[in-house]
Amino acid sequence: HRDDAREAFPQINGRQVLLVVGRIDPHKNQVWLVEQAPEIFHRHPRALLVLVGACTNEEYGRELRRRIEESGLPNRIILTGGLPPADARLIGLYQDAAAVILPSQSETFGLIILESWAAGAPVISSRTSGASSLIHHGRDGWLFDLHDPGPLHAAVDQALLRPELARELAAIGRQRVGAEYDTGVTAGRMKALYDELIEEK
């Protein structure tokens, strides 16, 4: 699946992919992350921000694209549009991700966190109720508060500069997915993802 992603999105080749999965919508808060992107890229010249998700709020989508253009970094921030959960390109992006970032303002259940862990990707998330119920900060992922971007940048530093640590945290998360969550909880999406991953293995 990595090859599918790299063929579909050749910009990711040789880059440290920071993946964001979720509909383009104010609740998902992608504009906030784009505002942090210049600092991320300054600290990590090989980083690339990849935003996956269908646009469900056209006004917000226009604002997001405007912010990307104004940042002067359109070649470092990719909008892929929506990709189905079992799409080989999406699974490949998860597998290629140096980290999956969730900047959401609110999440009741962190399905993207489970999908990331299942694919072996480390997770950096805003401290929503869903993320806080899943992630043990510093043990199987990282949490940050939206009012203070410092811990976000510290977590990105850890993920990109200490990839062995990031893989260790992701592996712990993956073990938890297998032990604590079944396909009924995730309404079939996890099953589709697992089927694809098992088939690849």
C-alpha atoms as a PDB file:
ATOM      1  CA  HIS A   1       0.000   0.000   0.000  1.00  0.00           C
ATOM      2  CA  ARG A   2       2.959   2.329   0.493  1.00  0.00           C
ATOM      3  CA  ASP A   3       3.606   2.053  -3.240  1.00  0.00           C
ATOM      4  CA  ASP A   4      -0.021   3.006  -3.983  1.00  0.00           C
ATOM      5  CA  ALA A   5       0.316   6.117  -1.830  1.00  0.00           C
ATOM      6  CA  ARG A   6       3.681   7.090  -3.275  1.00  0.00           C
ATOM      7  CA  GLU A   7       2.430   6.664  -6.822  1.00  0.00           C
ATOM      8  CA  ALA A   8      -0.726   8.682  -6.151  1.00  0.00           C
ATOM      9  CA  PHE A   9       1.088  11.389  -4.178  1.00  0.00           C
ATOM     10  CA  PRO A  10       4.707  11.517  -5.424  1.00  0.00           C
ATOM     11  CA  GLN A  11       5.356  14.582  -3.249  1.00  0.00           C
ATOM     12  CA  ILE A  12       5.623  12.301  -0.199  1.00  0.00           C
ATOM     13  CA  ASN A  13       8.679  10.466  -1.495  1.00  0.00           C
ATOM     14  CA  GLY A  14      11.708  11.228   0.668  1.00  0.00           C
ATOM     15  CA  ARG A  15       9.614  13.353   3.039  1.00  0.00           C
ATOM     16  CA  GLN A  16       8.624  13.031   6.688  1.00  0.00           C
ATOM     17  CA  VAL A  17       4.854  12.812   6.330  1.00  0.00           C
ATOM     18  CA  LEU A  18       2.646  14.420   8.968  1.00  0.00           C
ATOM     19  CA  LEU A  19      -0.797  13.062   8.190  1.00  0.00           C
ATOM     20  CA  VAL A  20      -4.136  14.648   9.114  1.00  0.00           C
ATOM     21  CA  VAL A  21      -7.279  12.574   8.435  1.00  0.00           C
ATOM     22  CA  GLY A  22     -10.750  14.061   8.775  1.00  0.00           C
ATOM     23  CA  ARG A  23     -13.362  15.994   6.873  1.00  0.00           C
ATOM     24  CA  ILE A  24     -12.486  19.600   6.055  1.00  0.00           C
ATOM     25  CA  ASP A  25     -14.642  21.264   8.682  1.00  0.00           C
ATOM     26  CA  PRO A  26     -14.190  23.835  11.496  1.00  0.00           C
ATOM     27  CA  HIS A  27     -14.494  21.122  14.165  1.00  0.00           C
ATOM     28  CA  LYS A  28     -11.503  19.316  12.649  1.00  0.00           C
ATOM     29  CA  ASN A  29      -9.515  22.550  12.939  1.00  0.00           C
ATOM     30  CA  GLN A  30      -7.101  22.138  10.030  1.00  0.00           C
ATOM     31  CA  VAL A  31      -6.635  25.925   9.703  1.00  0.00           C
ATOM     32  CA  TRP A  32      -5.099  26.009  13.197  1.00  0.00           C
ATOM     33  CA  LEU A  33      -2.562  23.394  12.162  1.00  0.00           C
ATOM     34  CA  VAL A  34      -1.737  25.253   8.939  1.00  0.00           C
ATOM     35  CA  GLU A  35      -0.957  28.274  11.139  1.00  0.00           C
ATOM     36  CA  GLN A  36       1.599  26.099  12.956  1.00  0.00           C
ATOM     37  CA  ALA A  37       3.084  24.749   9.714  1.00  0.00           C
ATOM     38  CA  PRO A  38       5.768  27.425   9.139  1.00  0.00           C
ATOM     39  CA  GLU A  39       7.283  26.657  12.556  1.00  0.00           C
ATOM     40  CA  ILE A  40       7.076  22.914  11.906  1.00  0.00           C
ATOM     41  CA  PHE A  41       8.799  23.276   8.531  1.00  0.00           C
ATOM     42  CA  HIS A  42      11.432  25.599   9.977  1.00  0.00           C
ATOM     43  CA  ARG A  43      12.328  22.964  12.557  1.00  0.00           C
ATOM     44  CA  HIS A  44      11.952  20.032  10.141  1.00  0.00           C
ATOM     45  CA  PRO A  45      12.884  20.904   6.544  1.00  0.00           C
ATOM     46  CA  ARG A  46      11.908  17.437   5.257  1.00  0.00           C
ATOM     47  CA  ALA A  47       8.424  17.507   6.787  1.00  0.00           C
ATOM     48  CA  LEU A  48       5.323  17.482   4.601  1.00  0.00           C
ATOM     49  CA  LEU A  49       1.765  18.067   5.821  1.00  0.00           C
ATOM     50  CA  VAL A  50      -0.843  15.857   4.118  1.00  0.00           C
ATOM     51  CA  LEU A  51      -4.531  16.633   4.761  1.00  0.00           C
ATOM     52  CA  VAL A  52      -6.934  13.819   3.840  1.00  0.00           C
ATOM     53  CA  GLY A  53     -10.660  14.450   3.921  1.00  0.00           C
ATOM     54  CA  ALA A  54     -13.681  15.502   1.927  1.00  0.00           C
ATOM     55  CA  CYS A  55     -14.723  19.125   2.294  1.00  0.00           C
ATOM     56  CA  THR A  56     -18.046  19.305   4.151  1.00  0.00           C
ATOM     57  CA  ASN A  57     -17.950  23.062   4.742  1.00  0.00           C
ATOM     58  CA  GLU A  58     -17.214  25.038   1.589  1.00  0.00           C
ATOM     59  CA  GLU A  59     -16.573  28.338   3.364  1.00  0.00           C
ATOM     60  CA  TYR A  60     -14.082  26.679   5.692  1.00  0.00           C
ATOM     61  CA  GLY A  61     -12.512  24.870   2.744  1.00  0.00           C
ATOM     62  CA  ARG A  62     -11.953  28.180   0.969  1.00  0.00           C
ATOM     63  CA  GLU A  63     -10.451  29.658   4.136  1.00  0.00           C
ATOM     64  CA  LEU A  64      -8.124  26.675   4.470  1.00  0.00           C
ATOM     65  CA  ARG A  65      -6.893  26.962   0.895  1.00  0.00           C
ATOM     66  CA  ARG A  66      -6.436  30.716   1.315  1.00  0.00           C
ATOM     67  CA  ARG A  67      -4.335  30.201   4.451  1.00  0.00           C
ATOM     68  CA  ILE A  68      -2.191  27.629   2.659  1.00  0.00           C
ATOM     69  CA  GLU A  69      -1.555  30.059  -0.217  1.00  0.00           C
ATOM     70  CA  GLU A  70      -0.844  32.943   2.152  1.00  0.00           C
ATOM     71  CA  SER A  71       1.639  30.810   4.077  1.00  0.00           C
ATOM     72  CA  GLY A  72       3.753  30.561   0.934  1.00  0.00           C
ATOM     73  CA  LEU A  73       3.942  26.812   1.460  1.00  0.00           C
ATOM     74  CA  PRO A  74       1.511  25.244  -1.043  1.00  0.00           C
ATOM     75  CA  ASN A  75       4.196  22.751  -2.058  1.00  0.00           C
ATOM     76  CA  ARG A  76       4.566  21.580   1.549  1.00  0.00           C
ATOM     77  CA  ILE A  77       0.863  21.147   2.371  1.00  0.00           C
ATOM     78  CA  ILE A  78      -1.136  18.648   0.287  1.00  0.00           C
ATOM     79  CA  LEU A  79      -4.929  18.376   0.162  1.00  0.00           C
ATOM     80  CA  THR A  80      -5.836  14.915  -1.150  1.00  0.00           C
ATOM     81  CA  GLY A  81      -9.615  15.164  -0.956  1.00  0.00           C
ATOM     82  CA  GLY A  82     -11.657  12.338   0.542  1.00  0.00           C
ATOM     83  CA  LEU A  83     -10.344   8.767   0.507  1.00  0.00           C
ATOM     84  CA  PRO A  84     -12.485   5.759   1.581  1.00  0.00           C
ATOM     85  CA  PRO A  85     -11.318   3.962   4.774  1.00  0.00           C
ATOM     86  CA  ALA A  86     -10.106   0.849   2.948  1.00  0.00           C
ATOM     87  CA  ASP A  87      -8.498   2.779   0.072  1.00  0.00           C
ATOM     88  CA  ALA A  88      -4.973   1.480  -0.538  1.00  0.00           C
ATOM     89  CA  ARG A  89      -3.727   5.054  -0.901  1.00  0.00           C
ATOM     90  CA  LEU A  90      -5.032   6.009   2.547  1.00  0.00           C
ATOM     91  CA  ILE A  91      -3.591   2.886   4.161  1.00  0.00           C
ATOM     92  CA  GLY A  92      -0.284   3.632   2.447  1.00  0.00           C
ATOM     93  CA  LEU A  93      -0.316   7.174   3.828  1.00  0.00           C
ATOM     94  CA  TYR A  94      -0.935   5.815   7.332  1.00  0.00           C
ATOM     95  CA  GLN A  95       1.976   3.413   6.897  1.00  0.00           C
ATOM     96  CA  ASP A  96       4.256   6.146   5.555  1.00  0.00           C
ATOM     97  CA  ALA A  97       3.310   8.686   8.235  1.00  0.00           C
ATOM     98  CA  ALA A  98       6.003   9.800  10.641  1.00  0.00           C
ATOM     99  CA  ALA A  99       3.023  10.857  12.765  1.00  0.00           C
ATOM    100  CA  VAL A 100      -0.722  11.358  12.481  1.00  0.00           C
ATOM    101  CA  ILE A 101      -1.839  14.713  13.895  1.00  0.00           C
ATOM    102  CA  LEU A 102      -5.381  15.396  15.111  1.00  0.00           C
ATOM    103  CA  PRO A 103      -5.936  19.124  15.779  1.00  0.00           C
ATOM    104  CA  SER A 104      -9.694  18.706  16.386  1.00  0.00           C
ATOM    105  CA  GLN A 105     -11.639  21.064  18.622  1.00  0.00           C
ATOM    106  CA  SER A 106     -13.792  18.161  19.799  1.00  0.00           C
ATOM    107  CA  GLU A 107     -13.948  14.386  19.275  1.00  0.00           C
ATOM    108  CA  THR A 108     -16.177  12.034  21.244  1.00  0.00           C
ATOM    109  CA  PHE A 109     -14.431   8.874  20.050  1.00  0.00           C
ATOM    110  CA  GLY A 110     -10.975   8.740  18.494  1.00  0.00           C
ATOM    111  CA  LEU A 111     -11.543   6.394  15.569  1.00  0.00           C
ATOM    112  CA  ILE A 112      -8.666   7.940  13.618  1.00  0.00           C
ATOM    113  CA  ILE A 113      -6.399   7.203  16.580  1.00  0.00           C
ATOM    114  CA  LEU A 114      -7.315   3.513  16.448  1.00  0.00           C
ATOM    115  CA  GLU A 115      -6.852   3.409  12.680  1.00  0.00           C
ATOM    116  CA  SER A 116      -3.454   5.074  13.026  1.00  0.00           C
ATOM    117  CA  TRP A 117      -2.316   2.616  15.667  1.00  0.00           C
ATOM    118  CA  ALA A 118      -3.597  -0.328  13.618  1.00  0.00           C
ATOM    119  CA  ALA A 119      -1.381   0.831  10.748  1.00  0.00           C
ATOM    120  CA  GLY A 120       1.605   1.360  13.048  1.00  0.00           C
ATOM    121  CA  ALA A 121       1.529   5.169  12.954  1.00  0.00           C
ATOM    122  CA  PRO A 122       2.271   7.282  16.047  1.00  0.00           C
ATOM    123  CA  VAL A 123      -0.397   9.790  17.075  1.00  0.00           C
ATOM    124  CA  ILE A 124      -0.249  13.420  18.203  1.00  0.00           C
ATOM    125  CA  SER A 125      -3.675  14.726  19.222  1.00  0.00           C
ATOM    126  CA  SER A 126      -5.356  17.729  20.732  1.00  0.00           C
ATOM    127  CA  ARG A 127      -6.714  16.973  24.182  1.00  0.00           C
ATOM    128  CA  THR A 128     -10.326  16.181  23.224  1.00  0.00           C
ATOM    129  CA  SER A 129     -12.493  13.868  25.298  1.00  0.00           C
ATOM    130  CA  GLY A 130     -12.084  11.081  22.749  1.00  0.00           C
ATOM    131  CA  ALA A 131      -8.315  11.402  22.510  1.00  0.00           C
ATOM    132  CA  SER A 132      -7.851  11.769  26.260  1.00  0.00           C
ATOM    133  CA  SER A 133      -9.805   8.549  26.845  1.00  0.00           C
ATOM    134  CA  LEU A 134      -7.499   6.639  24.473  1.00  0.00           C
ATOM    135  CA  ILE A 135      -4.016   8.154  24.619  1.00  0.00           C
ATOM    136  CA  HIS A 136      -1.744   7.875  27.627  1.00  0.00           C
ATOM    137  CA  HIS A 137       0.504  10.860  27.018  1.00  0.00           C
ATOM    138  CA  GLY A 138       4.116   9.880  26.421  1.00  0.00           C
ATOM    139  CA  ARG A 139       3.329   6.158  26.578  1.00  0.00           C
ATOM    140  CA  ASP A 140       1.351   5.399  23.428  1.00  0.00           C
ATOM    141  CA  GLY A 141       1.035   8.860  21.894  1.00  0.00           C
ATOM    142  CA  TRP A 142       1.179  12.575  22.630  1.00  0.00           C
ATOM    143  CA  LEU A 143      -1.493  15.090  23.671  1.00  0.00           C
ATOM    144  CA  PHE A 144      -1.450  18.883  23.402  1.00  0.00           C
ATOM    145  CA  ASP A 145      -3.757  21.799  24.187  1.00  0.00           C
ATOM    146  CA  LEU A 146      -4.906  24.061  21.377  1.00  0.00           C
ATOM    147  CA  HIS A 147      -4.322  27.208  23.433  1.00  0.00           C
ATOM    148  CA  ASP A 148      -0.617  26.354  23.727  1.00  0.00           C
ATOM    149  CA  PRO A 149       1.083  25.060  20.539  1.00  0.00           C
ATOM    150  CA  GLY A 150       4.383  24.460  22.344  1.00  0.00           C
ATOM    151  CA  PRO A 151       3.600  20.830  23.264  1.00  0.00           C
ATOM    152  CA  LEU A 152       2.495  20.164  19.673  1.00  0.00           C
ATOM    153  CA  HIS A 153       5.907  21.252  18.390  1.00  0.00           C
ATOM    154  CA  ALA A 154       7.647  19.275  21.120  1.00  0.00           C
ATOM    155  CA  ALA A 155       5.681  16.158  20.118  1.00  0.00           C
ATOM    156  CA  VAL A 156       6.476  16.664  16.427  1.00  0.00           C
ATOM    157  CA  ASP A 157      10.148  17.029  17.397  1.00  0.00           C
ATOM    158  CA  GLN A 158       9.967  13.718  19.268  1.00  0.00           C
ATOM    159  CA  ALA A 159       8.234  11.928  16.388  1.00  0.00           C
ATOM    160  CA  LEU A 160      10.577  13.200  13.685  1.00  0.00           C
ATOM    161  CA  LEU A 161      13.889  13.283  15.555  1.00  0.00           C
ATOM    162  CA  ARG A 162      13.385  10.056  17.510  1.00  0.00           C
ATOM    163  CA  PRO A 163      11.658   7.693  15.055  1.00  0.00           C
ATOM    164  CA  GLU A 164      12.541   4.660  17.178  1.00  0.00           C
ATOM    165  CA  LEU A 165      10.580   6.176  20.074  1.00  0.00           C
ATOM    166  CA  ALA A 166       7.673   7.011  17.768  1.00  0.00           C
ATOM    167  CA  ARG A 167       7.562   3.425  16.506  1.00  0.00           C
ATOM    168  CA  GLU A 168       7.652   2.146  20.090  1.00  0.00           C
ATOM    169  CA  LEU A 169       4.672   4.301  21.082  1.00  0.00           C
ATOM    170  CA  ALA A 170       2.776   3.269  17.961  1.00  0.00           C
ATOM    171  CA  ALA A 171       3.453  -0.411  18.697  1.00  0.00           C
ATOM    172  CA  ILE A 172       2.018  -0.035  22.200  1.00  0.00           C
ATOM    173  CA  GLY A 173      -1.064   1.614  20.687  1.00  0.00           C
ATOM    174  CA  ARG A 174      -1.392  -1.181  18.157  1.00  0.00           C
ATOM    175  CA  GLN A 175      -1.317  -3.784  20.938  1.00  0.00           C
ATOM    176  CA  ARG A 176      -4.099  -1.898  22.709  1.00  0.00           C
ATOM    177  CA  VAL A 177      -6.233  -1.860  19.558  1.00  0.00           C
ATOM    178  CA  GLY A 178      -6.015  -5.624  19.296  1.00  0.00           C
ATOM    179  CA  ALA A 179      -6.628  -6.206  22.993  1.00  0.00           C
ATOM    180  CA  GLU A 180      -9.319  -3.643  23.815  1.00  0.00           C
ATOM    181  CA  TYR A 181     -11.347  -2.845  20.695  1.00  0.00           C
ATOM    182  CA  ASP A 182     -13.370  -5.016  18.374  1.00  0.00           C
ATOM    183  CA  THR A 183     -14.923  -4.367  14.976  1.00  0.00           C
ATOM    184  CA  GLY A 184     -18.341  -3.725  16.516  1.00  0.00           C
ATOM    185  CA  VAL A 185     -17.036  -0.631  18.261  1.00  0.00           C
ATOM    186  CA  THR A 186     -15.788   0.892  15.034  1.00  0.00           C
ATOM    187  CA  ALA A 187     -18.776  -0.041  12.868  1.00  0.00           C
ATOM    188  CA  GLY A 188     -16.799  -2.060  10.368  1.00  0.00           C
ATOM    189  CA  ARG A 189     -14.158   0.531   9.467  1.00  0.00           C
ATOM    190  CA  MET A 190     -11.457  -1.089  11.593  1.00  0.00           C
ATOM    191  CA  LYS A 191     -12.283  -4.489  10.106  1.00  0.00           C
ATOM    192  CA  ALA A 192     -11.776  -3.164   6.588  1.00  0.00           C
ATOM    193  CA  LEU A 193      -8.468  -1.585   7.579  1.00  0.00           C
ATOM    194  CA  TYR A 194      -7.255  -4.724   9.353  1.00  0.00           C
ATOM    195  CA  ASP A 195      -8.251  -6.892   6.382  1.00  0.00           C
ATOM    196  CA  GLU A 196      -6.150  -4.713   4.101  1.00  0.00           C
ATOM    197  CA  LEU A 197      -3.172  -4.741   6.478  1.00  0.00           C
ATOM    198  CA  ILE A 198      -3.340  -8.504   7.009  1.00  0.00           C
ATOM    199  CA  GLU A 199      -3.603  -9.086   3.267  1.00  0.00           C
ATOM    200  CA  GLU A 200      -0.499  -6.969   2.709  1.00  0.00           C
ATOM    201  CA  LYS A 201       1.453  -8.912   5.363  1.00  0.00           C
END
